[in-house]
Amino acid sequence: MSKIDELMSGTKEVLTARRVYGDPYEQDGVTIIPAAAIWGGGGGGEGEATDASTGSGGGFGMIGRPVGAYQIKDGEVSWVPAADTTRVILMAQMTMIAALLVLRSILRFRRSAG
């Protein structure tokens, strides 16, 4: 088996539904099944040169973030979204920057008009 085949085999083992849905757990009659968004990618190469050297290589990366959980209570299933605090903070910062830029433009306009 070549190194590329080994890399692809390992990739298939990593990108499974188990990475997206965590192990369910139960407490006080409520079952929680955590869920995440997973992105991954990989690449590789293999070859031989005309002299005595040979080459191969590969790599793989994966990013995951929680998106929420399924809650099962009294036979009813509901979706509970995860709060992404990083996104909330980033949006607040972007809103503040936009507000400051608008305020600066208004003040400049008033100075030049008056």
PDB file of N, CA and C in Angstrom:
ATOM      1  N   MET A   1       0.849  -1.171   0.000  1.00  0.00           N
ATOM      2  CA  MET A   1       0.000   0.000   0.000  1.00  0.00           C
ATOM      3  C   MET A   1       0.896   1.235   0.000  1.00  0.00           C
ATOM      4  N   SER A   2       0.614   2.169  -0.888  1.00  0.00           N
ATOM      5  CA  SER A   2       1.436   3.374  -0.969  1.00  0.00           C
ATOM      6  C   SER A   2       1.068   4.335   0.157  1.00  0.00           C
ATOM      7  N   LYS A   3       1.914   5.326   0.350  1.00  0.00           N
ATOM      8  CA  LYS A   3       1.674   6.302   1.406  1.00  0.00           C
ATOM      9  C   LYS A   3       0.406   7.111   1.136  1.00  0.00           C
ATOM     10  N   ILE A   4       0.122   7.362  -0.131  1.00  0.00           N
ATOM     11  CA  ILE A   4      -1.104   8.088  -0.484  1.00  0.00           C
ATOM     12  C   ILE A   4      -2.328   7.265  -0.097  1.00  0.00           C
ATOM     13  N   ASP A   5      -2.282   5.962  -0.375  1.00  0.00           N
ATOM     14  CA  ASP A   5      -3.402   5.094   0.007  1.00  0.00           C
ATOM     15  C   ASP A   5      -3.582   5.072   1.525  1.00  0.00           C
ATOM     16  N   GLU A   6      -2.481   5.077   2.261  1.00  0.00           N
ATOM     17  CA  GLU A   6      -2.552   5.099   3.715  1.00  0.00           C
ATOM     18  C   GLU A   6      -3.186   6.404   4.193  1.00  0.00           C
ATOM     19  N   LEU A   7      -2.799   7.518   3.569  1.00  0.00           N
ATOM     20  CA  LEU A   7      -3.358   8.824   3.928  1.00  0.00           C
ATOM     21  C   LEU A   7      -4.862   8.852   3.677  1.00  0.00           C
ATOM     22  N   MET A   8      -5.288   8.365   2.514  1.00  0.00           N
ATOM     23  CA  MET A   8      -6.710   8.364   2.187  1.00  0.00           C
ATOM     24  C   MET A   8      -7.490   7.447   3.122  1.00  0.00           C
ATOM     25  N   SER A   9      -6.912   6.327   3.490  1.00  0.00           N
ATOM     26  CA  SER A   9      -7.562   5.413   4.414  1.00  0.00           C
ATOM     27  C   SER A   9      -7.734   6.077   5.782  1.00  0.00           C
ATOM     28  N   GLY A  10      -6.703   6.778   6.237  1.00  0.00           N
ATOM     29  CA  GLY A  10      -6.789   7.496   7.507  1.00  0.00           C
ATOM     30  C   GLY A  10      -7.814   8.612   7.453  1.00  0.00           C
ATOM     31  N   THR A  11      -7.916   9.271   6.305  1.00  0.00           N
ATOM     32  CA  THR A  11      -8.884  10.349   6.131  1.00  0.00           C
ATOM     33  C   THR A  11     -10.305   9.808   6.256  1.00  0.00           C
ATOM     34  N   LYS A  12     -10.570   8.672   5.647  1.00  0.00           N
ATOM     35  CA  LYS A  12     -11.903   8.071   5.725  1.00  0.00           C
ATOM     36  C   LYS A  12     -12.269   7.726   7.168  1.00  0.00           C
ATOM     37  N   GLU A  13     -11.276   7.305   7.955  1.00  0.00           N
ATOM     38  CA  GLU A  13     -11.539   6.959   9.344  1.00  0.00           C
ATOM     39  C   GLU A  13     -11.838   8.188  10.192  1.00  0.00           C
ATOM     40  N   VAL A  14     -11.229   9.326   9.846  1.00  0.00           N
ATOM     41  CA  VAL A  14     -11.409  10.551  10.626  1.00  0.00           C
ATOM     42  C   VAL A  14     -12.738  11.218  10.316  1.00  0.00           C
ATOM     43  N   LEU A  15     -13.112  11.299   9.036  1.00  0.00           N
ATOM     44  CA  LEU A  15     -14.341  12.003   8.630  1.00  0.00           C
ATOM     45  C   LEU A  15     -15.535  11.055   8.677  1.00  0.00           C
ATOM     46  N   THR A  16     -16.002  10.790   9.865  1.00  0.00           N
ATOM     47  CA  THR A  16     -17.158   9.916  10.045  1.00  0.00           C
ATOM     48  C   THR A  16     -18.255  10.683  10.787  1.00  0.00           C
ATOM     49  N   ALA A  17     -19.434  10.110  10.807  1.00  0.00           N
ATOM     50  CA  ALA A  17     -20.546  10.731  11.530  1.00  0.00           C
ATOM     51  C   ALA A  17     -20.235  10.842  13.013  1.00  0.00           C
ATOM     52  N   ARG A  18     -19.370  10.002  13.512  1.00  0.00           N
ATOM     53  CA  ARG A  18     -18.993  10.055  14.923  1.00  0.00           C
ATOM     54  C   ARG A  18     -18.298  11.357  15.276  1.00  0.00           C
ATOM     55  N   ARG A  19     -17.620  11.954  14.298  1.00  0.00           N
ATOM     56  CA  ARG A  19     -16.972  13.254  14.517  1.00  0.00           C
ATOM     57  C   ARG A  19     -18.006  14.373  14.542  1.00  0.00           C
ATOM     58  N   VAL A  20     -19.125  14.168  13.866  1.00  0.00           N
ATOM     59  CA  VAL A  20     -20.168  15.180  13.803  1.00  0.00           C
ATOM     60  C   VAL A  20     -21.087  15.071  15.013  1.00  0.00           C
ATOM     61  N   TYR A  21     -21.499  13.864  15.360  1.00  0.00           N
ATOM     62  CA  TYR A  21     -22.383  13.638  16.498  1.00  0.00           C
ATOM     63  C   TYR A  21     -21.587  12.982  17.611  1.00  0.00           C
ATOM     64  N   GLY A  22     -21.546  13.642  18.750  1.00  0.00           N
ATOM     65  CA  GLY A  22     -20.835  13.081  19.894  1.00  0.00           C
ATOM     66  C   GLY A  22     -21.623  11.946  20.515  1.00  0.00           C
ATOM     67  N   ASP A  23     -21.011  11.284  21.468  1.00  0.00           N
ATOM     68  CA  ASP A  23     -21.689  10.198  22.168  1.00  0.00           C
ATOM     69  C   ASP A  23     -22.849  10.769  22.976  1.00  0.00           C
ATOM     70  N   PRO A  24     -24.051  10.179  22.838  1.00  0.00           N
ATOM     71  CA  PRO A  24     -25.187  10.673  23.611  1.00  0.00           C
ATOM     72  C   PRO A  24     -24.980  10.413  25.104  1.00  0.00           C
ATOM     73  N   TYR A  25     -25.537  11.282  25.905  1.00  0.00           N
ATOM     74  CA  TYR A  25     -25.513  11.039  27.341  1.00  0.00           C
ATOM     75  C   TYR A  25     -26.875  11.398  27.917  1.00  0.00           C
ATOM     76  N   GLU A  26     -27.189  10.784  29.036  1.00  0.00           N
ATOM     77  CA  GLU A  26     -28.515  10.951  29.629  1.00  0.00           C
ATOM     78  C   GLU A  26     -28.376  11.402  31.076  1.00  0.00           C
ATOM     79  N   GLN A  27     -29.250  12.333  31.467  1.00  0.00           N
ATOM     80  CA  GLN A  27     -29.287  12.786  32.854  1.00  0.00           C
ATOM     81  C   GLN A  27     -30.706  13.245  33.158  1.00  0.00           C
ATOM     82  N   ASP A  28     -31.239  12.806  34.263  1.00  0.00           N
ATOM     83  CA  ASP A  28     -32.589  13.172  34.706  1.00  0.00           C
ATOM     84  C   ASP A  28     -33.645  12.918  33.639  1.00  0.00           C
ATOM     85  N   GLY A  29     -33.537  11.820  32.904  1.00  0.00           N
ATOM     86  CA  GLY A  29     -34.520  11.450  31.903  1.00  0.00           C
ATOM     87  C   GLY A  29     -34.422  12.210  30.593  1.00  0.00           C
ATOM     88  N   VAL A  30     -33.388  13.027  30.418  1.00  0.00           N
ATOM     89  CA  VAL A  30     -33.186  13.790  29.192  1.00  0.00           C
ATOM     90  C   VAL A  30     -31.924  13.274  28.504  1.00  0.00           C
ATOM     91  N   THR A  31     -32.062  12.930  27.227  1.00  0.00           N
ATOM     92  CA  THR A  31     -30.908  12.472  26.442  1.00  0.00           C
ATOM     93  C   THR A  31     -30.422  13.611  25.561  1.00  0.00           C
ATOM     94  N   ILE A  32     -29.121  13.837  25.562  1.00  0.00           N
ATOM     95  CA  ILE A  32     -28.495  14.887  24.767  1.00  0.00           C
ATOM     96  C   ILE A  32     -27.555  14.232  23.755  1.00  0.00           C
ATOM     97  N   ILE A  33     -27.688  14.630  22.482  1.00  0.00           N
ATOM     98  CA  ILE A  33     -26.789  14.160  21.422  1.00  0.00           C
ATOM     99  C   ILE A  33     -26.109  15.398  20.837  1.00  0.00           C
ATOM    100  N   PRO A  34     -24.849  15.664  21.227  1.00  0.00           N
ATOM    101  CA  PRO A  34     -24.162  16.852  20.719  1.00  0.00           C
ATOM    102  C   PRO A  34     -23.824  16.723  19.236  1.00  0.00           C
ATOM    103  N   ALA A  35     -23.846  17.873  18.528  1.00  0.00           N
ATOM    104  CA  ALA A  35     -23.547  17.890  17.090  1.00  0.00           C
ATOM    105  C   ALA A  35     -22.531  18.991  16.798  1.00  0.00           C
ATOM    106  N   ALA A  36     -21.725  18.760  15.766  1.00  0.00           N
ATOM    107  CA  ALA A  36     -20.693  19.726  15.366  1.00  0.00           C
ATOM    108  C   ALA A  36     -20.633  19.806  13.852  1.00  0.00           C
ATOM    109  N   ALA A  37     -20.137  20.927  13.355  1.00  0.00           N
ATOM    110  CA  ALA A  37     -19.862  21.076  11.922  1.00  0.00           C
ATOM    111  C   ALA A  37     -18.381  20.760  11.726  1.00  0.00           C
ATOM    112  N   ILE A  38     -18.088  19.897  10.781  1.00  0.00           N
ATOM    113  CA  ILE A  38     -16.723  19.449  10.540  1.00  0.00           C
ATOM    114  C   ILE A  38     -16.343  19.743   9.095  1.00  0.00           C
ATOM    115  N   TRP A  39     -15.178  20.337   8.893  1.00  0.00           N
ATOM    116  CA  TRP A  39     -14.617  20.568   7.561  1.00  0.00           C
ATOM    117  C   TRP A  39     -13.239  19.939   7.530  1.00  0.00           C
ATOM    118  N   GLY A  40     -12.909  19.319   6.430  1.00  0.00           N
ATOM    119  CA  GLY A  40     -11.588  18.707   6.320  1.00  0.00           C
ATOM    120  C   GLY A  40     -11.122  18.675   4.882  1.00  0.00           C
ATOM    121  N   GLY A  41      -9.866  18.526   4.731  1.00  0.00           N
ATOM    122  CA  GLY A  41      -9.286  18.430   3.399  1.00  0.00           C
ATOM    123  C   GLY A  41      -7.893  17.842   3.483  1.00  0.00           C
ATOM    124  N   GLY A  42      -7.455  17.335   2.396  1.00  0.00           N
ATOM    125  CA  GLY A  42      -6.126  16.734   2.388  1.00  0.00           C
ATOM    126  C   GLY A  42      -5.550  16.729   0.989  1.00  0.00           C
ATOM    127  N   GLY A  43      -4.337  16.372   0.925  1.00  0.00           N
ATOM    128  CA  GLY A  43      -3.669  16.299  -0.366  1.00  0.00           C
ATOM    129  C   GLY A  43      -2.383  15.515  -0.245  1.00  0.00           C
ATOM    130  N   GLY A  44      -1.861  15.164  -1.371  1.00  0.00           N
ATOM    131  CA  GLY A  44      -0.612  14.407  -1.347  1.00  0.00           C
ATOM    132  C   GLY A  44      -0.005  14.286  -2.723  1.00  0.00           C
ATOM    133  N   GLY A  45       1.161  13.740  -2.757  1.00  0.00           N
ATOM    134  CA  GLY A  45       1.852  13.541  -4.016  1.00  0.00           C
ATOM    135  C   GLY A  45       2.827  12.397  -3.899  1.00  0.00           C
ATOM    136  N   GLU A  46       3.165  11.824  -5.014  1.00  0.00           N
ATOM    137  CA  GLU A  46       4.100  10.710  -5.026  1.00  0.00           C
ATOM    138  C   GLU A  46       4.750  10.683  -6.391  1.00  0.00           C
ATOM    139  N   GLY A  47       5.996  10.363  -6.450  1.00  0.00           N
ATOM    140  CA  GLY A  47       6.650  10.322  -7.745  1.00  0.00           C
ATOM    141  C   GLY A  47       8.065   9.821  -7.645  1.00  0.00           C
ATOM    142  N   GLU A  48       8.648   9.570  -8.796  1.00  0.00           N
ATOM    143  CA  GLU A  48      10.032   9.120  -8.860  1.00  0.00           C
ATOM    144  C   GLU A  48      10.776   9.995  -9.850  1.00  0.00           C
ATOM    145  N   ALA A  49      11.987  10.331  -9.495  1.00  0.00           N
ATOM    146  CA  ALA A  49      12.832  11.112 -10.386  1.00  0.00           C
ATOM    147  C   ALA A  49      13.668  10.158 -11.238  1.00  0.00           C
ATOM    148  N   THR A  50      14.320  10.691 -12.220  1.00  0.00           N
ATOM    149  CA  THR A  50      15.136   9.853 -13.097  1.00  0.00           C
ATOM    150  C   THR A  50      16.392   9.367 -12.405  1.00  0.00           C
ATOM    151  N   ASP A  51      16.832  10.079 -11.356  1.00  0.00           N
ATOM    152  CA  ASP A  51      18.008   9.580 -10.627  1.00  0.00           C
ATOM    153  C   ASP A  51      17.549   8.668  -9.495  1.00  0.00           C
ATOM    154  N   ALA A  52      18.385   8.460  -8.491  1.00  0.00           N
ATOM    155  CA  ALA A  52      18.102   7.506  -7.421  1.00  0.00           C
ATOM    156  C   ALA A  52      17.105   8.034  -6.380  1.00  0.00           C
ATOM    157  N   SER A  53      16.733   9.289  -6.437  1.00  0.00           N
ATOM    158  CA  SER A  53      15.828   9.829  -5.411  1.00  0.00           C
ATOM    159  C   SER A  53      14.368   9.523  -5.767  1.00  0.00           C
ATOM    160  N   THR A  54      13.560   9.433  -4.736  1.00  0.00           N
ATOM    161  CA  THR A  54      12.119   9.267  -4.913  1.00  0.00           C
ATOM    162  C   THR A  54      11.425  10.289  -4.025  1.00  0.00           C
ATOM    163  N   GLY A  55      10.143  10.505  -4.245  1.00  0.00           N
ATOM    164  CA  GLY A  55       9.437  11.492  -3.440  1.00  0.00           C
ATOM    165  C   GLY A  55       8.043  11.050  -3.109  1.00  0.00           C
ATOM    166  N   SER A  56       7.565  11.538  -2.014  1.00  0.00           N
ATOM    167  CA  SER A  56       6.177  11.324  -1.622  1.00  0.00           C
ATOM    168  C   SER A  56       5.842  12.361  -0.567  1.00  0.00           C
ATOM    169  N   GLY A  57       4.579  12.544  -0.303  1.00  0.00           N
ATOM    170  CA  GLY A  57       4.179  13.500   0.722  1.00  0.00           C
ATOM    171  C   GLY A  57       2.683  13.556   0.834  1.00  0.00           C
ATOM    172  N   GLY A  58       2.240  14.096   1.913  1.00  0.00           N
ATOM    173  CA  GLY A  58       0.809  14.209   2.106  1.00  0.00           C
ATOM    174  C   GLY A  58       0.502  15.012   3.351  1.00  0.00           C
ATOM    175  N   GLY A  59      -0.730  15.406   3.461  1.00  0.00           N
ATOM    176  CA  GLY A  59      -1.158  16.157   4.628  1.00  0.00           C
ATOM    177  C   GLY A  59      -2.664  16.173   4.728  1.00  0.00           C
ATOM    178  N   PHE A  60      -3.132  16.516   5.909  1.00  0.00           N
ATOM    179  CA  PHE A  60      -4.560  16.522   6.156  1.00  0.00           C
ATOM    180  C   PHE A  60      -4.854  17.532   7.246  1.00  0.00           C
ATOM    181  N   GLY A  61      -5.962  18.237   7.115  1.00  0.00           N
ATOM    182  CA  GLY A  61      -6.382  19.176   8.146  1.00  0.00           C
ATOM    183  C   GLY A  61      -7.875  19.067   8.374  1.00  0.00           C
ATOM    184  N   MET A  62      -8.283  19.380   9.585  1.00  0.00           N
ATOM    185  CA  MET A  62      -9.692  19.283   9.928  1.00  0.00           C
ATOM    186  C   MET A  62     -10.037  20.393  10.917  1.00  0.00           C
ATOM    187  N   ILE A  63     -11.207  21.002  10.734  1.00  0.00           N
ATOM    188  CA  ILE A  63     -11.702  22.033  11.637  1.00  0.00           C
ATOM    189  C   ILE A  63     -13.096  21.614  12.072  1.00  0.00           C
ATOM    190  N   GLY A  64     -13.378  21.771  13.331  1.00  0.00           N
ATOM    191  CA  GLY A  64     -14.704  21.458  13.830  1.00  0.00           C
ATOM    192  C   GLY A  64     -15.152  22.497  14.837  1.00  0.00           C
ATOM    193  N   ARG A  65     -16.463  22.734  14.875  1.00  0.00           N
ATOM    194  CA  ARG A  65     -17.023  23.638  15.870  1.00  0.00           C
ATOM    195  C   ARG A  65     -18.394  23.124  16.269  1.00  0.00           C
ATOM    196  N   PRO A  66     -18.774  23.303  17.526  1.00  0.00           N
ATOM    197  CA  PRO A  66     -20.094  22.835  17.965  1.00  0.00           C
ATOM    198  C   PRO A  66     -21.198  23.694  17.354  1.00  0.00           C
ATOM    199  N   VAL A  67     -22.276  23.049  16.957  1.00  0.00           N
ATOM    200  CA  VAL A  67     -23.414  23.785  16.392  1.00  0.00           C
ATOM    201  C   VAL A  67     -24.673  23.629  17.243  1.00  0.00           C
ATOM    202  N   GLY A  68     -24.697  22.659  18.122  1.00  0.00           N
ATOM    203  CA  GLY A  68     -25.865  22.473  18.973  1.00  0.00           C
ATOM    204  C   GLY A  68     -25.992  21.033  19.428  1.00  0.00           C
ATOM    205  N   ALA A  69     -27.190  20.697  19.858  1.00  0.00           N
ATOM    206  CA  ALA A  69     -27.446  19.337  20.327  1.00  0.00           C
ATOM    207  C   ALA A  69     -28.914  18.996  20.137  1.00  0.00           C
ATOM    208  N   TYR A  70     -29.163  17.720  19.929  1.00  0.00           N
ATOM    209  CA  TYR A  70     -30.531  17.219  19.928  1.00  0.00           C
ATOM    210  C   TYR A  70     -30.875  16.840  21.357  1.00  0.00           C
ATOM    211  N   GLN A  71     -32.036  17.270  21.806  1.00  0.00           N
ATOM    212  CA  GLN A  71     -32.496  16.955  23.154  1.00  0.00           C
ATOM    213  C   GLN A  71     -33.724  16.072  23.046  1.00  0.00           C
ATOM    214  N   ILE A  72     -33.679  14.926  23.703  1.00  0.00           N
ATOM    215  CA  ILE A  72     -34.809  14.003  23.699  1.00  0.00           C
ATOM    216  C   ILE A  72     -35.367  13.953  25.108  1.00  0.00           C
ATOM    217  N   LYS A  73     -36.608  14.431  25.246  1.00  0.00           N
ATOM    218  CA  LYS A  73     -37.253  14.488  26.565  1.00  0.00           C
ATOM    219  C   LYS A  73     -38.714  14.086  26.397  1.00  0.00           C
ATOM    220  N   ASP A  74     -39.141  13.113  27.148  1.00  0.00           N
ATOM    221  CA  ASP A  74     -40.522  12.616  27.105  1.00  0.00           C
ATOM    222  C   ASP A  74     -40.928  12.210  25.687  1.00  0.00           C
ATOM    223  N   GLY A  75     -40.015  11.618  24.931  1.00  0.00           N
ATOM    224  CA  GLY A  75     -40.310  11.157  23.579  1.00  0.00           C
ATOM    225  C   GLY A  75     -40.312  12.246  22.528  1.00  0.00           C
ATOM    226  N   GLU A  76     -40.074  13.492  22.907  1.00  0.00           N
ATOM    227  CA  GLU A  76     -40.036  14.622  21.979  1.00  0.00           C
ATOM    228  C   GLU A  76     -38.578  14.991  21.692  1.00  0.00           C
ATOM    229  N   VAL A  77     -38.274  15.197  20.418  1.00  0.00           N
ATOM    230  CA  VAL A  77     -36.928  15.593  20.015  1.00  0.00           C
ATOM    231  C   VAL A  77     -36.941  17.075  19.649  1.00  0.00           C
ATOM    232  N   SER A  78     -36.001  17.814  20.212  1.00  0.00           N
ATOM    233  CA  SER A  78     -35.885  19.235  19.871  1.00  0.00           C
ATOM    234  C   SER A  78     -34.415  19.580  19.627  1.00  0.00           C
ATOM    235  N   TRP A  79     -34.216  20.615  18.843  1.00  0.00           N
ATOM    236  CA  TRP A  79     -32.866  21.087  18.509  1.00  0.00           C
ATOM    237  C   TRP A  79     -32.532  22.267  19.420  1.00  0.00           C
ATOM    238  N   VAL A  80     -31.370  22.213  20.055  1.00  0.00           N
ATOM    239  CA  VAL A  80     -30.905  23.299  20.910  1.00  0.00           C
ATOM    240  C   VAL A  80     -29.617  23.832  20.287  1.00  0.00           C
ATOM    241  N   PRO A  81     -29.656  25.026  19.653  1.00  0.00           N
ATOM    242  CA  PRO A  81     -28.453  25.553  19.009  1.00  0.00           C
ATOM    243  C   PRO A  81     -27.401  25.966  20.034  1.00  0.00           C
ATOM    244  N   ALA A  82     -26.140  25.827  19.642  1.00  0.00           N
ATOM    245  CA  ALA A  82     -25.026  26.250  20.495  1.00  0.00           C
ATOM    246  C   ALA A  82     -24.795  27.741  20.299  1.00  0.00           C
ATOM    247  N   ALA A  83     -24.460  28.419  21.366  1.00  0.00           N
ATOM    248  CA  ALA A  83     -24.133  29.843  21.276  1.00  0.00           C
ATOM    249  C   ALA A  83     -22.667  29.956  20.882  1.00  0.00           C
ATOM    250  N   ASP A  84     -22.404  30.547  19.727  1.00  0.00           N
ATOM    251  CA  ASP A  84     -21.041  30.731  19.237  1.00  0.00           C
ATOM    252  C   ASP A  84     -20.542  32.096  19.720  1.00  0.00           C
ATOM    253  N   THR A  85     -19.922  32.119  20.885  1.00  0.00           N
ATOM    254  CA  THR A  85     -19.498  33.391  21.476  1.00  0.00           C
ATOM    255  C   THR A  85     -18.446  34.098  20.630  1.00  0.00           C
ATOM    256  N   THR A  86     -17.621  33.354  19.939  1.00  0.00           N
ATOM    257  CA  THR A  86     -16.621  33.978  19.074  1.00  0.00           C
ATOM    258  C   THR A  86     -17.301  34.790  17.983  1.00  0.00           C
ATOM    259  N   ARG A  87     -18.322  34.239  17.379  1.00  0.00           N
ATOM    260  CA  ARG A  87     -19.051  34.936  16.319  1.00  0.00           C
ATOM    261  C   ARG A  87     -19.788  36.152  16.880  1.00  0.00           C
ATOM    262  N   VAL A  88     -20.371  36.030  18.062  1.00  0.00           N
ATOM    263  CA  VAL A  88     -21.071  37.152  18.678  1.00  0.00           C
ATOM    264  C   VAL A  88     -20.099  38.296  18.960  1.00  0.00           C
ATOM    265  N   ILE A  89     -18.942  37.981  19.519  1.00  0.00           N
ATOM    266  CA  ILE A  89     -17.945  39.013  19.814  1.00  0.00           C
ATOM    267  C   ILE A  89     -17.447  39.658  18.528  1.00  0.00           C
ATOM    268  N   LEU A  90     -17.174  38.867  17.508  1.00  0.00           N
ATOM    269  CA  LEU A  90     -16.706  39.404  16.232  1.00  0.00           C
ATOM    270  C   LEU A  90     -17.747  40.336  15.613  1.00  0.00           C
ATOM    271  N   MET A  91     -19.006  39.944  15.644  1.00  0.00           N
ATOM    272  CA  MET A  91     -20.059  40.794  15.078  1.00  0.00           C
ATOM    273  C   MET A  91     -20.195  42.096  15.874  1.00  0.00           C
ATOM    274  N   ALA A  92     -20.060  42.031  17.190  1.00  0.00           N
ATOM    275  CA  ALA A  92     -20.123  43.240  18.011  1.00  0.00           C
ATOM    276  C   ALA A  92     -18.965  44.178  17.669  1.00  0.00           C
ATOM    277  N   GLN A  93     -17.785  43.629  17.473  1.00  0.00           N
ATOM    278  CA  GLN A  93     -16.629  44.447  17.105  1.00  0.00           C
ATOM    279  C   GLN A  93     -16.823  45.086  15.735  1.00  0.00           C
ATOM    280  N   MET A  94     -17.325  44.322  14.783  1.00  0.00           N
ATOM    281  CA  MET A  94     -17.551  44.861  13.441  1.00  0.00           C
ATOM    282  C   MET A  94     -18.611  45.967  13.469  1.00  0.00           C
ATOM    283  N   THR A  95     -19.651  45.791  14.265  1.00  0.00           N
ATOM    284  CA  THR A  95     -20.689  46.803  14.392  1.00  0.00           C
ATOM    285  C   THR A  95     -20.119  48.078  15.014  1.00  0.00           C
ATOM    286  N   MET A  96     -19.281  47.929  16.026  1.00  0.00           N
ATOM    287  CA  MET A  96     -18.669  49.093  16.676  1.00  0.00           C
ATOM    288  C   MET A  96     -17.755  49.837  15.704  1.00  0.00           C
ATOM    289  N   ILE A  97     -16.975  49.129  14.936  1.00  0.00           N
ATOM    290  CA  ILE A  97     -16.094  49.764  13.945  1.00  0.00           C
ATOM    291  C   ILE A  97     -16.911  50.523  12.910  1.00  0.00           C
ATOM    292  N   ALA A  98     -17.976  49.894  12.421  1.00  0.00           N
ATOM    293  CA  ALA A  98     -18.833  50.563  11.431  1.00  0.00           C
ATOM    294  C   ALA A  98     -19.465  51.823  12.027  1.00  0.00           C
ATOM    295  N   ALA A  99     -19.920  51.748  13.279  1.00  0.00           N
ATOM    296  CA  ALA A  99     -20.528  52.908  13.933  1.00  0.00           C
ATOM    297  C   ALA A  99     -19.510  54.038  14.090  1.00  0.00           C
ATOM    298  N   LEU A 100     -18.286  53.697  14.455  1.00  0.00           N
ATOM    299  CA  LEU A 100     -17.243  54.721  14.601  1.00  0.00           C
ATOM    300  C   LEU A 100     -16.895  55.362  13.262  1.00  0.00           C
ATOM    301  N   LEU A 101     -16.853  54.582  12.210  1.00  0.00           N
ATOM    302  CA  LEU A 101     -16.565  55.142  10.881  1.00  0.00           C
ATOM    303  C   LEU A 101     -17.687  56.077  10.416  1.00  0.00           C
ATOM    304  N   VAL A 102     -18.927  55.708  10.674  1.00  0.00           N
ATOM    305  CA  VAL A 102     -20.055  56.567  10.315  1.00  0.00           C
ATOM    306  C   VAL A 102     -20.000  57.858  11.131  1.00  0.00           C
ATOM    307  N   LEU A 103     -19.736  57.755  12.423  1.00  0.00           N
ATOM    308  CA  LEU A 103     -19.636  58.937  13.281  1.00  0.00           C
ATOM    309  C   LEU A 103     -18.520  59.866  12.803  1.00  0.00           C
ATOM    310  N   ARG A 104     -17.385  59.303  12.447  1.00  0.00           N
ATOM    311  CA  ARG A 104     -16.270  60.101  11.940  1.00  0.00           C
ATOM    312  C   ARG A 104     -16.660  60.834  10.651  1.00  0.00           C
ATOM    313  N   SER A 105     -17.359  60.144   9.771  1.00  0.00           N
ATOM    314  CA  SER A 105     -17.805  60.776   8.518  1.00  0.00           C
ATOM    315  C   SER A 105     -18.782  61.919   8.790  1.00  0.00           C
ATOM    316  N   ILE A 106     -19.689  61.717   9.733  1.00  0.00           N
ATOM    317  CA  ILE A 106     -20.650  62.768  10.071  1.00  0.00           C
ATOM    318  C   ILE A 106     -19.917  63.989  10.637  1.00  0.00           C
ATOM    319  N   LEU A 107     -18.972  63.760  11.539  1.00  0.00           N
ATOM    320  CA  LEU A 107     -18.224  64.876  12.129  1.00  0.00           C
ATOM    321  C   LEU A 107     -17.400  65.621  11.086  1.00  0.00           C
ATOM    322  N   ARG A 108     -16.796  64.910  10.162  1.00  0.00           N
ATOM    323  CA  ARG A 108     -16.020  65.552   9.090  1.00  0.00           C
ATOM    324  C   ARG A 108     -16.935  66.391   8.194  1.00  0.00           C
ATOM    325  N   PHE A 109     -18.118  65.868   7.892  1.00  0.00           N
ATOM    326  CA  PHE A 109     -19.056  66.584   7.040  1.00  0.00           C
ATOM    327  C   PHE A 109     -19.524  67.874   7.725  1.00  0.00           C
ATOM    328  N   ARG A 110     -19.798  67.790   9.026  1.00  0.00           N
ATOM    329  CA  ARG A 110     -20.252  68.978   9.767  1.00  0.00           C
ATOM    330  C   ARG A 110     -19.153  70.047   9.816  1.00  0.00           C
ATOM    331  N   ARG A 111     -17.887  69.625   9.986  1.00  0.00           N
ATOM    332  CA  ARG A 111     -16.776  70.584  10.024  1.00  0.00           C
ATOM    333  C   ARG A 111     -16.607  71.288   8.688  1.00  0.00           C
ATOM    334  N   SER A 112     -16.728  70.529   7.604  1.00  0.00           N
ATOM    335  CA  SER A 112     -16.515  71.123   6.281  1.00  0.00           C
ATOM    336  C   SER A 112     -17.713  71.980   5.857  1.00  0.00           C
ATOM    337  N   ALA A 113     -18.914  71.676   6.347  1.00  0.00           N
ATOM    338  CA  ALA A 113     -20.102  72.454   5.989  1.00  0.00           C
ATOM    339  C   ALA A 113     -20.232  73.716   6.836  1.00  0.00           C
ATOM    340  N   GLY A 114     -19.647  73.723   8.025  1.00  0.00           N
ATOM    341  CA  GLY A 114     -19.855  74.844   8.939  1.00  0.00           C
ATOM    342  C   GLY A 114     -18.804  75.831   8.917  1.00  0.00           C
TER     343      GLY A 114
END
